[in-house]
PDB file of all heavy atoms in Angstrom:
ATOM      1  N   LEU A   1     -64.653 -15.403 -59.739  1.00  0.00           N
ATOM      2  CA  LEU A   1     -65.587 -14.320 -59.433  1.00  0.00           C
ATOM      3  C   LEU A   1     -65.977 -13.562 -60.703  1.00  0.00           C
ATOM      4  O   LEU A   1     -67.153 -13.244 -60.918  1.00  0.00           O
ATOM      5  CB  LEU A   1     -64.946 -13.346 -58.434  1.00  0.00           C
ATOM      6  CG  LEU A   1     -64.948 -13.755 -56.960  1.00  0.00           C
ATOM      7  CD1 LEU A   1     -63.968 -12.896 -56.165  1.00  0.00           C
ATOM      8  CD2 LEU A   1     -66.339 -13.624 -56.363  1.00  0.00           C
ATOM      9  N   TYR A   2     -64.989 -13.284 -61.523  1.00  0.00           N
ATOM     10  CA  TYR A   2     -65.226 -12.555 -62.772  1.00  0.00           C
ATOM     11  C   TYR A   2     -66.100 -13.374 -63.718  1.00  0.00           C
ATOM     12  O   TYR A   2     -67.034 -12.846 -64.347  1.00  0.00           O
ATOM     13  CB  TYR A   2     -63.876 -12.241 -63.407  1.00  0.00           C
ATOM     14  CG  TYR A   2     -63.939 -11.393 -64.660  1.00  0.00           C
ATOM     15  CD1 TYR A   2     -64.557 -10.153 -64.647  1.00  0.00           C
ATOM     16  CD2 TYR A   2     -63.342 -11.825 -65.846  1.00  0.00           C
ATOM     17  CE1 TYR A   2     -64.595  -9.366 -65.788  1.00  0.00           C
ATOM     18  CE2 TYR A   2     -63.364 -11.047 -66.981  1.00  0.00           C
ATOM     19  CZ  TYR A   2     -63.996  -9.824 -66.952  1.00  0.00           C
ATOM     20  OH  TYR A   2     -64.035  -9.042 -68.074  1.00  0.00           O
ATOM     21  N   LYS A   3     -65.820 -14.644 -63.789  1.00  0.00           N
ATOM     22  CA  LYS A   3     -66.582 -15.542 -64.662  1.00  0.00           C
ATOM     23  C   LYS A   3     -68.057 -15.580 -64.252  1.00  0.00           C
ATOM     24  O   LYS A   3     -68.958 -15.467 -65.094  1.00  0.00           O
ATOM     25  CB  LYS A   3     -65.960 -16.933 -64.599  1.00  0.00           C
ATOM     26  CG  LYS A   3     -66.712 -18.015 -65.358  1.00  0.00           C
ATOM     27  CD  LYS A   3     -66.008 -19.350 -65.159  1.00  0.00           C
ATOM     28  CE  LYS A   3     -66.804 -20.508 -65.770  1.00  0.00           C
ATOM     29  NZ  LYS A   3     -66.136 -21.806 -65.504  1.00  0.00           N
ATOM     30  N   ILE A   4     -68.311 -15.754 -62.945  1.00  0.00           N
ATOM     31  CA  ILE A   4     -69.688 -15.836 -62.464  1.00  0.00           C
ATOM     32  C   ILE A   4     -70.381 -14.481 -62.588  1.00  0.00           C
ATOM     33  O   ILE A   4     -71.575 -14.408 -62.909  1.00  0.00           O
ATOM     34  CB  ILE A   4     -69.712 -16.334 -61.003  1.00  0.00           C
ATOM     35  CG1 ILE A   4     -69.149 -17.756 -60.931  1.00  0.00           C
ATOM     36  CG2 ILE A   4     -71.129 -16.308 -60.448  1.00  0.00           C
ATOM     37  CD1 ILE A   4     -69.018 -18.304 -59.521  1.00  0.00           C
ATOM     38  N   PHE A   5     -69.645 -13.396 -62.355  1.00  0.00           N
ATOM     39  CA  PHE A   5     -70.229 -12.064 -62.513  1.00  0.00           C
ATOM     40  C   PHE A   5     -70.769 -11.884 -63.930  1.00  0.00           C
ATOM     41  O   PHE A   5     -71.881 -11.379 -64.129  1.00  0.00           O
ATOM     42  CB  PHE A   5     -69.190 -10.982 -62.206  1.00  0.00           C
ATOM     43  CG  PHE A   5     -69.708  -9.574 -62.396  1.00  0.00           C
ATOM     44  CD1 PHE A   5     -70.331  -8.906 -61.355  1.00  0.00           C
ATOM     45  CD2 PHE A   5     -69.590  -8.925 -63.621  1.00  0.00           C
ATOM     46  CE1 PHE A   5     -70.823  -7.618 -61.523  1.00  0.00           C
ATOM     47  CE2 PHE A   5     -70.086  -7.643 -63.805  1.00  0.00           C
ATOM     48  CZ  PHE A   5     -70.705  -6.987 -62.752  1.00  0.00           C
ATOM     49  N   LYS A   6     -69.983 -12.291 -64.908  1.00  0.00           N
ATOM     50  CA  LYS A   6     -70.411 -12.109 -66.298  1.00  0.00           C
ATOM     51  C   LYS A   6     -71.622 -12.975 -66.631  1.00  0.00           C
ATOM     52  O   LYS A   6     -72.447 -12.603 -67.469  1.00  0.00           O
ATOM     53  CB  LYS A   6     -69.252 -12.420 -67.248  1.00  0.00           C
ATOM     54  CG  LYS A   6     -68.122 -11.388 -67.166  1.00  0.00           C
ATOM     55  CD  LYS A   6     -67.224 -11.410 -68.399  1.00  0.00           C
ATOM     56  CE  LYS A   6     -66.437 -12.702 -68.503  1.00  0.00           C
ATOM     57  NZ  LYS A   6     -65.527 -12.679 -69.679  1.00  0.00           N
ATOM     58  N   LYS A   7     -71.742 -14.107 -65.973  1.00  0.00           N
ATOM     59  CA  LYS A   7     -72.883 -14.985 -66.256  1.00  0.00           C
ATOM     60  C   LYS A   7     -74.154 -14.521 -65.552  1.00  0.00           C
ATOM     61  O   LYS A   7     -75.255 -14.698 -66.084  1.00  0.00           O
ATOM     62  CB  LYS A   7     -72.549 -16.416 -65.835  1.00  0.00           C
ATOM     63  CG  LYS A   7     -71.538 -17.106 -66.741  1.00  0.00           C
ATOM     64  CD  LYS A   7     -71.325 -18.559 -66.327  1.00  0.00           C
ATOM     65  CE  LYS A   7     -70.369 -19.267 -67.285  1.00  0.00           C
ATOM     66  NZ  LYS A   7     -70.134 -20.679 -66.899  1.00  0.00           N
ATOM     67  N   LYS A   8     -74.004 -13.926 -64.346  1.00  0.00           N
ATOM     68  CA  LYS A   8     -75.185 -13.613 -63.545  1.00  0.00           C
ATOM     69  C   LYS A   8     -75.571 -12.134 -63.535  1.00  0.00           C
ATOM     70  O   LYS A   8     -76.757 -11.798 -63.433  1.00  0.00           O
ATOM     71  CB  LYS A   8     -74.968 -14.043 -62.077  1.00  0.00           C
ATOM     72  CG  LYS A   8     -74.954 -15.529 -61.857  1.00  0.00           C
ATOM     73  CD  LYS A   8     -74.888 -15.871 -60.377  1.00  0.00           C
ATOM     74  CE  LYS A   8     -76.154 -15.499 -59.642  1.00  0.00           C
ATOM     75  NZ  LYS A   8     -76.164 -15.997 -58.249  1.00  0.00           N
ATOM     76  N   TYR A   9     -74.574 -11.242 -63.635  1.00  0.00           N
ATOM     77  CA  TYR A   9     -74.876  -9.848 -63.332  1.00  0.00           C
ATOM     78  C   TYR A   9     -74.588  -8.842 -64.444  1.00  0.00           C
ATOM     79  O   TYR A   9     -75.177  -7.759 -64.446  1.00  0.00           O
ATOM     80  CB  TYR A   9     -74.099  -9.417 -62.075  1.00  0.00           C
ATOM     81  CG  TYR A   9     -74.532 -10.144 -60.828  1.00  0.00           C
ATOM     82  CD1 TYR A   9     -73.729 -11.144 -60.267  1.00  0.00           C
ATOM     83  CD2 TYR A   9     -75.745  -9.849 -60.220  1.00  0.00           C
ATOM     84  CE1 TYR A   9     -74.126 -11.814 -59.119  1.00  0.00           C
ATOM     85  CE2 TYR A   9     -76.154 -10.522 -59.075  1.00  0.00           C
ATOM     86  CZ  TYR A   9     -75.340 -11.507 -58.534  1.00  0.00           C
ATOM     87  OH  TYR A   9     -75.746 -12.163 -57.401  1.00  0.00           O
ATOM     88  N   GLY A  10     -73.668  -9.125 -65.335  1.00  0.00           N
ATOM     89  CA  GLY A  10     -73.350  -8.101 -66.322  1.00  0.00           C
ATOM     90  C   GLY A  10     -72.346  -8.562 -67.348  1.00  0.00           C
ATOM     91  O   GLY A  10     -72.340  -9.726 -67.756  1.00  0.00           O
ATOM     92  N   ARG A  11     -71.457  -7.655 -67.734  1.00  0.00           N
ATOM     93  CA  ARG A  11     -70.507  -7.933 -68.791  1.00  0.00           C
ATOM     94  C   ARG A  11     -69.090  -7.597 -68.324  1.00  0.00           C
ATOM     95  O   ARG A  11     -68.884  -6.810 -67.416  1.00  0.00           O
ATOM     96  CB  ARG A  11     -70.829  -7.080 -70.034  1.00  0.00           C
ATOM     97  CG  ARG A  11     -72.233  -7.257 -70.570  1.00  0.00           C
ATOM     98  CD  ARG A  11     -72.451  -8.646 -71.162  1.00  0.00           C
ATOM     99  NE  ARG A  11     -71.598  -8.878 -72.317  1.00  0.00           N
ATOM    100  CZ  ARG A  11     -71.939  -8.558 -73.573  1.00  0.00           C
ATOM    101  NH1 ARG A  11     -73.101  -7.994 -73.813  1.00  0.00           N
ATOM    102  NH2 ARG A  11     -71.122  -8.806 -74.574  1.00  0.00           N
ATOM    103  N   GLY A  12     -68.119  -8.179 -69.023  1.00  0.00           N
ATOM    104  CA  GLY A  12     -66.729  -7.801 -68.831  1.00  0.00           C
ATOM    105  C   GLY A  12     -66.406  -6.638 -69.744  1.00  0.00           C
ATOM    106  O   GLY A  12     -66.853  -6.606 -70.898  1.00  0.00           O
ATOM    107  N   PHE A  13     -65.635  -5.692 -69.254  1.00  0.00           N
ATOM    108  CA  PHE A  13     -65.377  -4.496 -70.057  1.00  0.00           C
ATOM    109  C   PHE A  13     -64.660  -4.832 -71.353  1.00  0.00           C
ATOM    110  O   PHE A  13     -64.912  -4.213 -72.389  1.00  0.00           O
ATOM    111  CB  PHE A  13     -64.558  -3.478 -69.251  1.00  0.00           C
ATOM    112  CG  PHE A  13     -64.344  -2.181 -69.990  1.00  0.00           C
ATOM    113  CD1 PHE A  13     -65.391  -1.293 -70.167  1.00  0.00           C
ATOM    114  CD2 PHE A  13     -63.106  -1.867 -70.528  1.00  0.00           C
ATOM    115  CE1 PHE A  13     -65.204  -0.102 -70.857  1.00  0.00           C
ATOM    116  CE2 PHE A  13     -62.907  -0.686 -71.212  1.00  0.00           C
ATOM    117  CZ  PHE A  13     -63.961   0.201 -71.379  1.00  0.00           C
ATOM    118  N   GLU A  14     -63.755  -5.829 -71.315  1.00  0.00           N
ATOM    119  CA  GLU A  14     -63.019  -6.163 -72.539  1.00  0.00           C
ATOM    120  C   GLU A  14     -63.944  -6.716 -73.621  1.00  0.00           C
ATOM    121  O   GLU A  14     -63.607  -6.696 -74.810  1.00  0.00           O
ATOM    122  CB  GLU A  14     -61.899  -7.164 -72.232  1.00  0.00           C
ATOM    123  CG  GLU A  14     -62.334  -8.610 -72.054  1.00  0.00           C
ATOM    124  CD  GLU A  14     -62.809  -8.903 -70.650  1.00  0.00           C
ATOM    125  OE1 GLU A  14     -63.029  -7.940 -69.887  1.00  0.00           O
ATOM    126  OE2 GLU A  14     -62.958 -10.081 -70.301  1.00  0.00           O
ATOM    127  N   ASP A  15     -65.136  -7.212 -73.202  1.00  0.00           N
ATOM    128  CA  ASP A  15     -66.090  -7.756 -74.177  1.00  0.00           C
ATOM    129  C   ASP A  15     -66.871  -6.665 -74.889  1.00  0.00           C
ATOM    130  O   ASP A  15     -67.462  -6.912 -75.943  1.00  0.00           O
ATOM    131  CB  ASP A  15     -67.077  -8.697 -73.475  1.00  0.00           C
ATOM    132  CG  ASP A  15     -66.373  -9.898 -72.853  1.00  0.00           C
ATOM    133  OD1 ASP A  15     -65.351 -10.331 -73.421  1.00  0.00           O
ATOM    134  OD2 ASP A  15     -66.841 -10.382 -71.801  1.00  0.00           O
ATOM    135  N   ILE A  16     -66.911  -5.463 -74.297  1.00  0.00           N
ATOM    136  CA  ILE A  16     -67.769  -4.420 -74.866  1.00  0.00           C
ATOM    137  C   ILE A  16     -67.020  -3.140 -75.228  1.00  0.00           C
ATOM    138  O   ILE A  16     -67.600  -2.249 -75.849  1.00  0.00           O
ATOM    139  CB  ILE A  16     -68.908  -4.054 -73.890  1.00  0.00           C
ATOM    140  CG1 ILE A  16     -68.327  -3.443 -72.613  1.00  0.00           C
ATOM    141  CG2 ILE A  16     -69.767  -5.254 -73.562  1.00  0.00           C
ATOM    142  CD1 ILE A  16     -69.373  -2.889 -71.675  1.00  0.00           C
ATOM    143  N   GLU A  17     -65.725  -3.032 -74.852  1.00  0.00           N
ATOM    144  CA  GLU A  17     -65.045  -1.744 -75.015  1.00  0.00           C
ATOM    145  C   GLU A  17     -64.928  -1.299 -76.463  1.00  0.00           C
ATOM    146  O   GLU A  17     -64.855  -0.106 -76.743  1.00  0.00           O
ATOM    147  CB  GLU A  17     -63.661  -1.775 -74.361  1.00  0.00           C
ATOM    148  CG  GLU A  17     -62.680  -2.750 -74.963  1.00  0.00           C
ATOM    149  CD  GLU A  17     -61.290  -2.597 -74.345  1.00  0.00           C
ATOM    150  OE1 GLU A  17     -60.894  -1.456 -74.060  1.00  0.00           O
ATOM    151  OE2 GLU A  17     -60.620  -3.622 -74.144  1.00  0.00           O
ATOM    152  N   HIS A  18     -64.912  -2.249 -77.393  1.00  0.00           N
ATOM    153  CA  HIS A  18     -64.782  -1.877 -78.807  1.00  0.00           C
ATOM    154  C   HIS A  18     -66.120  -1.914 -79.535  1.00  0.00           C
ATOM    155  O   HIS A  18     -66.164  -1.747 -80.752  1.00  0.00           O
ATOM    156  CB  HIS A  18     -63.784  -2.801 -79.500  1.00  0.00           C
ATOM    157  CG  HIS A  18     -62.412  -2.763 -78.884  1.00  0.00           C
ATOM    158  ND1 HIS A  18     -61.670  -1.614 -78.814  1.00  0.00           N
ATOM    159  CD2 HIS A  18     -61.670  -3.740 -78.298  1.00  0.00           C
ATOM    160  CE1 HIS A  18     -60.513  -1.873 -78.219  1.00  0.00           C
ATOM    161  NE2 HIS A  18     -60.495  -3.144 -77.881  1.00  0.00           N
ATOM    162  N   SER A  19     -67.196  -2.147 -78.775  1.00  0.00           N
ATOM    163  CA  SER A  19     -68.506  -2.253 -79.402  1.00  0.00           C
ATOM    164  C   SER A  19     -69.081  -0.875 -79.662  1.00  0.00           C
ATOM    165  O   SER A  19     -68.983   0.027 -78.841  1.00  0.00           O
ATOM    166  CB  SER A  19     -69.461  -3.049 -78.501  1.00  0.00           C
ATOM    167  OG  SER A  19     -70.772  -2.965 -78.996  1.00  0.00           O
ATOM    168  N   ALA A  20     -69.723  -0.715 -80.794  1.00  0.00           N
ATOM    169  CA  ALA A  20     -70.377   0.547 -81.133  1.00  0.00           C
ATOM    170  C   ALA A  20     -71.613   0.767 -80.272  1.00  0.00           C
ATOM    171  O   ALA A  20     -72.115   1.876 -80.150  1.00  0.00           O
ATOM    172  CB  ALA A  20     -70.764   0.567 -82.610  1.00  0.00           C
ATOM    173  N   GLU A  21     -72.112  -0.316 -79.689  1.00  0.00           N
ATOM    174  CA  GLU A  21     -73.303  -0.229 -78.849  1.00  0.00           C
ATOM    175  C   GLU A  21     -72.939  -0.398 -77.384  1.00  0.00           C
ATOM    176  O   GLU A  21     -73.698  -0.961 -76.599  1.00  0.00           O
ATOM    177  CB  GLU A  21     -74.315  -1.289 -79.262  1.00  0.00           C
ATOM    178  CG  GLU A  21     -74.743  -1.182 -80.717  1.00  0.00           C
ATOM    179  CD  GLU A  21     -75.732  -2.282 -81.088  1.00  0.00           C
ATOM    180  OE1 GLU A  21     -76.584  -2.600 -80.246  1.00  0.00           O
ATOM    181  OE2 GLU A  21     -75.641  -2.808 -82.192  1.00  0.00           O
ATOM    182  N   GLN A  22     -71.798   0.131 -77.005  1.00  0.00           N
ATOM    183  CA  GLN A  22     -71.306  -0.060 -75.640  1.00  0.00           C
ATOM    184  C   GLN A  22     -72.294   0.444 -74.606  1.00  0.00           C
ATOM    185  O   GLN A  22     -72.549  -0.220 -73.603  1.00  0.00           O
ATOM    186  CB  GLN A  22     -69.967   0.658 -75.472  1.00  0.00           C
ATOM    187  CG  GLN A  22     -69.350   0.472 -74.105  1.00  0.00           C
ATOM    188  CD  GLN A  22     -68.043   1.228 -73.946  1.00  0.00           C
ATOM    189  OE1 GLN A  22     -67.823   1.845 -72.929  1.00  0.00           O
ATOM    190  NE2 GLN A  22     -67.186   1.196 -74.942  1.00  0.00           N
ATOM    191  N   GLU A  23     -72.864   1.617 -74.846  1.00  0.00           N
ATOM    192  CA  GLU A  23     -73.764   2.198 -73.857  1.00  0.00           C
ATOM    193  C   GLU A  23     -74.971   1.307 -73.617  1.00  0.00           C
ATOM    194  O   GLU A  23     -75.380   1.085 -72.480  1.00  0.00           O
ATOM    195  CB  GLU A  23     -74.221   3.582 -74.335  1.00  0.00           C
ATOM    196  CG  GLU A  23     -74.882   4.429 -73.248  1.00  0.00           C
ATOM    197  CD  GLU A  23     -73.901   4.808 -72.176  1.00  0.00           C
ATOM    198  OE1 GLU A  23     -72.706   4.943 -72.471  1.00  0.00           O
ATOM    199  OE2 GLU A  23     -74.337   4.933 -71.020  1.00  0.00           O
ATOM    200  N   GLU A  24     -75.535   0.773 -74.714  1.00  0.00           N
ATOM    201  CA  GLU A  24     -76.689  -0.108 -74.553  1.00  0.00           C
ATOM    202  C   GLU A  24     -76.307  -1.389 -73.829  1.00  0.00           C
ATOM    203  O   GLU A  24     -77.069  -1.914 -73.019  1.00  0.00           O
ATOM    204  CB  GLU A  24     -77.290  -0.439 -75.920  1.00  0.00           C
ATOM    205  CG  GLU A  24     -78.029   0.722 -76.592  1.00  0.00           C
ATOM    206  CD  GLU A  24     -77.084   1.767 -77.160  1.00  0.00           C
ATOM    207  OE1 GLU A  24     -75.873   1.476 -77.256  1.00  0.00           O
ATOM    208  OE2 GLU A  24     -77.543   2.858 -77.488  1.00  0.00           O
ATOM    209  N   LEU A  25     -75.110  -1.892 -74.106  1.00  0.00           N
ATOM    210  CA  LEU A  25     -74.658  -3.125 -73.449  1.00  0.00           C
ATOM    211  C   LEU A  25     -74.421  -2.890 -71.967  1.00  0.00           C
ATOM    212  O   LEU A  25     -74.687  -3.762 -71.135  1.00  0.00           O
ATOM    213  CB  LEU A  25     -73.369  -3.624 -74.109  1.00  0.00           C
ATOM    214  CG  LEU A  25     -73.549  -4.252 -75.500  1.00  0.00           C
ATOM    215  CD1 LEU A  25     -72.196  -4.442 -76.166  1.00  0.00           C
ATOM    216  CD2 LEU A  25     -74.275  -5.583 -75.399  1.00  0.00           C
ATOM    217  N   ILE A  26     -73.928  -1.705 -71.621  1.00  0.00           N
ATOM    218  CA  ILE A  26     -73.700  -1.402 -70.216  1.00  0.00           C
ATOM    219  C   ILE A  26     -75.025  -1.355 -69.473  1.00  0.00           C
ATOM    220  O   ILE A  26     -75.168  -1.883 -68.374  1.00  0.00           O
ATOM    221  CB  ILE A  26     -72.948  -0.065 -70.072  1.00  0.00           C
ATOM    222  CG1 ILE A  26     -71.519  -0.214 -70.577  1.00  0.00           C
ATOM    223  CG2 ILE A  26     -72.946   0.419 -68.619  1.00  0.00           C
ATOM    224  CD1 ILE A  26     -70.732   1.066 -70.591  1.00  0.00           C
ATOM    225  N   LEU A  27     -76.024  -0.733 -70.094  1.00  0.00           N
ATOM    226  CA  LEU A  27     -77.325  -0.655 -69.440  1.00  0.00           C
ATOM    227  C   LEU A  27     -77.992  -2.014 -69.358  1.00  0.00           C
ATOM    228  O   LEU A  27     -78.674  -2.328 -68.397  1.00  0.00           O
ATOM    229  CB  LEU A  27     -78.226   0.333 -70.196  1.00  0.00           C
ATOM    230  CG  LEU A  27     -77.772   1.798 -70.106  1.00  0.00           C
ATOM    231  CD1 LEU A  27     -78.626   2.673 -70.998  1.00  0.00           C
ATOM    232  CD2 LEU A  27     -77.844   2.289 -68.672  1.00  0.00           C
ATOM    233  N   ALA A  28     -77.769  -2.851 -70.364  1.00  0.00           N
ATOM    234  CA  ALA A  28     -78.181  -4.255 -70.375  1.00  0.00           C
ATOM    235  C   ALA A  28     -79.680  -4.432 -70.227  1.00  0.00           C
ATOM    236  O   ALA A  28     -80.361  -4.854 -71.154  1.00  0.00           O
ATOM    237  CB  ALA A  28     -77.437  -5.045 -69.308  1.00  0.00           C
ATOM    238  N   ALA A  29     -80.205  -4.154 -69.049  1.00  0.00           N
ATOM    239  CA  ALA A  29     -81.607  -4.447 -68.791  1.00  0.00           C
ATOM    240  C   ALA A  29     -82.509  -3.490 -69.553  1.00  0.00           C
ATOM    241  O   ALA A  29     -82.114  -2.394 -69.937  1.00  0.00           O
ATOM    242  CB  ALA A  29     -81.889  -4.338 -67.297  1.00  0.00           C
ATOM    243  N   GLU A  30     -83.756  -3.896 -69.764  1.00  0.00           N
ATOM    244  CA  GLU A  30     -84.722  -3.054 -70.442  1.00  0.00           C
ATOM    245  C   GLU A  30     -85.010  -1.828 -69.602  1.00  0.00           C
ATOM    246  O   GLU A  30     -85.061  -1.890 -68.384  1.00  0.00           O
ATOM    247  CB  GLU A  30     -86.016  -3.841 -70.656  1.00  0.00           C
ATOM    248  CG  GLU A  30     -87.055  -3.081 -71.462  1.00  0.00           C
ATOM    249  CD  GLU A  30     -88.290  -3.920 -71.701  1.00  0.00           C
ATOM    250  OE1 GLU A  30     -88.169  -5.157 -71.583  1.00  0.00           O
ATOM    251  OE2 GLU A  30     -89.343  -3.347 -71.980  1.00  0.00           O
ATOM    252  N   GLU A  31     -85.178  -0.689 -70.235  1.00  0.00           N
ATOM    253  CA  GLU A  31     -85.392   0.560 -69.526  1.00  0.00           C
ATOM    254  C   GLU A  31     -86.661   0.488 -68.685  1.00  0.00           C
ATOM    255  O   GLU A  31     -87.752   0.276 -69.193  1.00  0.00           O
ATOM    256  CB  GLU A  31     -85.514   1.701 -70.549  1.00  0.00           C
ATOM    257  CG  GLU A  31     -85.487   3.069 -69.934  1.00  0.00           C
ATOM    258  CD  GLU A  31     -84.080   3.516 -69.607  1.00  0.00           C
ATOM    259  OE1 GLU A  31     -83.139   2.755 -69.876  1.00  0.00           O
ATOM    260  OE2 GLU A  31     -83.938   4.616 -69.078  1.00  0.00           O
ATOM    261  N   PRO A  32     -86.559   0.642 -67.355  1.00  0.00           N
ATOM    262  CA  PRO A  32     -87.752   0.593 -66.520  1.00  0.00           C
ATOM    263  C   PRO A  32     -88.629   1.819 -66.770  1.00  0.00           C
ATOM    264  O   PRO A  32     -88.166   2.840 -67.268  1.00  0.00           O
ATOM    265  CB  PRO A  32     -87.192   0.611 -65.093  1.00  0.00           C
ATOM    266  CG  PRO A  32     -85.729   0.375 -65.234  1.00  0.00           C
ATOM    267  CD  PRO A  32     -85.350   0.842 -66.590  1.00  0.00           C
ATOM    268  N   GLU A  33     -89.892   1.726 -66.369  1.00  0.00           N
ATOM    269  CA  GLU A  33     -90.818   2.813 -66.636  1.00  0.00           C
ATOM    270  C   GLU A  33     -90.769   3.898 -65.568  1.00  0.00           C
ATOM    271  O   GLU A  33     -90.647   5.067 -65.873  1.00  0.00           O
ATOM    272  CB  GLU A  33     -92.248   2.259 -66.763  1.00  0.00           C
ATOM    273  CG  GLU A  33     -92.437   1.377 -68.000  1.00  0.00           C
ATOM    274  CD  GLU A  33     -93.868   0.901 -68.120  1.00  0.00           C
ATOM    275  OE1 GLU A  33     -94.678   1.255 -67.254  1.00  0.00           O
ATOM    276  OE2 GLU A  33     -94.177   0.185 -69.078  1.00  0.00           O
ATOM    277  N   SER A  34     -90.878   3.530 -64.297  1.00  0.00           N
ATOM    278  CA  SER A  34     -90.982   4.530 -63.245  1.00  0.00           C
ATOM    279  C   SER A  34     -89.618   5.109 -62.892  1.00  0.00           C
ATOM    280  O   SER A  34     -88.585   4.475 -63.084  1.00  0.00           O
ATOM    281  CB  SER A  34     -91.613   3.924 -61.996  1.00  0.00           C
ATOM    282  OG  SER A  34     -90.711   3.036 -61.377  1.00  0.00           O
ATOM    283  N   TYR A  35     -89.667   6.346 -62.346  1.00  0.00           N
ATOM    284  CA  TYR A  35     -88.428   6.996 -61.914  1.00  0.00           C
ATOM    285  C   TYR A  35     -87.737   6.173 -60.844  1.00  0.00           C
ATOM    286  O   TYR A  35     -86.520   5.982 -60.864  1.00  0.00           O
ATOM    287  CB  TYR A  35     -88.747   8.395 -61.390  1.00  0.00           C
ATOM    288  CG  TYR A  35     -87.552   9.121 -60.821  1.00  0.00           C
ATOM    289  CD1 TYR A  35     -86.690   9.836 -61.652  1.00  0.00           C
ATOM    290  CD2 TYR A  35     -87.279   9.090 -59.455  1.00  0.00           C
ATOM    291  CE1 TYR A  35     -85.590  10.491 -61.143  1.00  0.00           C
ATOM    292  CE2 TYR A  35     -86.179   9.744 -58.940  1.00  0.00           C
ATOM    293  CZ  TYR A  35     -85.347  10.451 -59.784  1.00  0.00           C
ATOM    294  OH  TYR A  35     -84.257  11.094 -59.269  1.00  0.00           O
ATOM    295  N   LYS A  36     -88.523   5.685 -59.878  1.00  0.00           N
ATOM    296  CA  LYS A  36     -87.958   4.905 -58.785  1.00  0.00           C
ATOM    297  C   LYS A  36     -87.271   3.655 -59.312  1.00  0.00           C
ATOM    298  O   LYS A  36     -86.174   3.294 -58.867  1.00  0.00           O
ATOM    299  CB  LYS A  36     -89.072   4.519 -57.797  1.00  0.00           C
ATOM    300  CG  LYS A  36     -88.566   3.817 -56.556  1.00  0.00           C
ATOM    301  CD  LYS A  36     -89.710   3.564 -55.577  1.00  0.00           C
ATOM    302  CE  LYS A  36     -89.199   2.876 -54.324  1.00  0.00           C
ATOM    303  NZ  LYS A  36     -90.300   2.630 -53.357  1.00  0.00           N
ATOM    304  N   ALA A  37     -87.907   2.990 -60.286  1.00  0.00           N
ATOM    305  CA  ALA A  37     -87.313   1.781 -60.858  1.00  0.00           C
ATOM    306  C   ALA A  37     -86.033   2.102 -61.623  1.00  0.00           C
ATOM    307  O   ALA A  37     -85.068   1.336 -61.590  1.00  0.00           O
ATOM    308  CB  ALA A  37     -88.317   1.093 -61.772  1.00  0.00           C
ATOM    309  N   LYS A  38     -86.013   3.247 -62.295  1.00  0.00           N
ATOM    310  CA  LYS A  38     -84.812   3.659 -63.020  1.00  0.00           C
ATOM    311  C   LYS A  38     -83.652   3.893 -62.063  1.00  0.00           C
ATOM    312  O   LYS A  38     -82.519   3.478 -62.323  1.00  0.00           O
ATOM    313  CB  LYS A  38     -85.081   4.945 -63.816  1.00  0.00           C
ATOM    314  CG  LYS A  38     -85.967   4.758 -65.039  1.00  0.00           C
ATOM    315  CD  LYS A  38     -86.160   6.083 -65.744  1.00  0.00           C
ATOM    316  CE  LYS A  38     -87.058   5.922 -66.973  1.00  0.00           C
ATOM    317  NZ  LYS A  38     -87.277   7.204 -67.664  1.00  0.00           N
ATOM    318  N   ARG A  39     -83.926   4.583 -60.951  1.00  0.00           N
ATOM    319  CA  ARG A  39     -82.875   4.830 -59.975  1.00  0.00           C
ATOM    320  C   ARG A  39     -82.347   3.526 -59.403  1.00  0.00           C
ATOM    321  O   ARG A  39     -81.142   3.333 -59.264  1.00  0.00           O
ATOM    322  CB  ARG A  39     -83.409   5.717 -58.837  1.00  0.00           C
ATOM    323  CG  ARG A  39     -83.775   7.119 -59.249  1.00  0.00           C
ATOM    324  CD  ARG A  39     -82.603   7.905 -59.746  1.00  0.00           C
ATOM    325  NE  ARG A  39     -81.577   8.125 -58.751  1.00  0.00           N
ATOM    326  CZ  ARG A  39     -80.387   8.628 -59.017  1.00  0.00           C
ATOM    327  NH1 ARG A  39     -80.059   8.931 -60.253  1.00  0.00           N
ATOM    328  NH2 ARG A  39     -79.499   8.800 -58.055  1.00  0.00           N
ATOM    329  N   LYS A  40     -83.255   2.624 -59.063  1.00  0.00           N
ATOM    330  CA  LYS A  40     -82.844   1.345 -58.490  1.00  0.00           C
ATOM    331  C   LYS A  40     -81.994   0.559 -59.477  1.00  0.00           C
ATOM    332  O   LYS A  40     -80.986  -0.052 -59.108  1.00  0.00           O
ATOM    333  CB  LYS A  40     -84.079   0.532 -58.095  1.00  0.00           C
ATOM    334  CG  LYS A  40     -83.744  -0.760 -57.367  1.00  0.00           C
ATOM    335  CD  LYS A  40     -85.005  -1.468 -56.886  1.00  0.00           C
ATOM    336  CE  LYS A  40     -84.625  -2.740 -56.131  1.00  0.00           C
ATOM    337  NZ  LYS A  40     -85.826  -3.462 -55.650  1.00  0.00           N
ATOM    338  N   GLU A  41     -82.380   0.593 -60.739  1.00  0.00           N
ATOM    339  CA  GLU A  41     -81.627  -0.119 -61.768  1.00  0.00           C
ATOM    340  C   GLU A  41     -80.227   0.467 -61.933  1.00  0.00           C
ATOM    341  O   GLU A  41     -79.251  -0.254 -62.163  1.00  0.00           O
ATOM    342  CB  GLU A  41     -82.383  -0.052 -63.094  1.00  0.00           C
ATOM    343  CG  GLU A  41     -81.724  -0.797 -64.248  1.00  0.00           C
ATOM    344  CD  GLU A  41     -81.727  -2.309 -64.077  1.00  0.00           C
ATOM    345  OE1 GLU A  41     -82.571  -2.815 -63.298  1.00  0.00           O
ATOM    346  OE2 GLU A  41     -80.895  -2.967 -64.707  1.00  0.00           O
ATOM    347  N   SER A  42     -80.119   1.799 -61.779  1.00  0.00           N
ATOM    348  CA  SER A  42     -78.821   2.455 -61.993  1.00  0.00           C
ATOM    349  C   SER A  42     -77.805   2.102 -60.915  1.00  0.00           C
ATOM    350  O   SER A  42     -76.607   2.253 -61.117  1.00  0.00           O
ATOM    351  CB  SER A  42     -79.006   3.977 -62.045  1.00  0.00           C
ATOM    352  OG  SER A  42     -79.282   4.503 -60.752  1.00  0.00           O
TER     353      SER A  42
END
């Protein structure tokens, strides 16, 4: 489950916890334009 999650949906915390760009990696996707799209992405 963890393996497929990292391939399809996001990242493993151990892969990003020491990264200086952790916040950007957590957000991953490009910042949506509309408020509604931002909420849905969050």
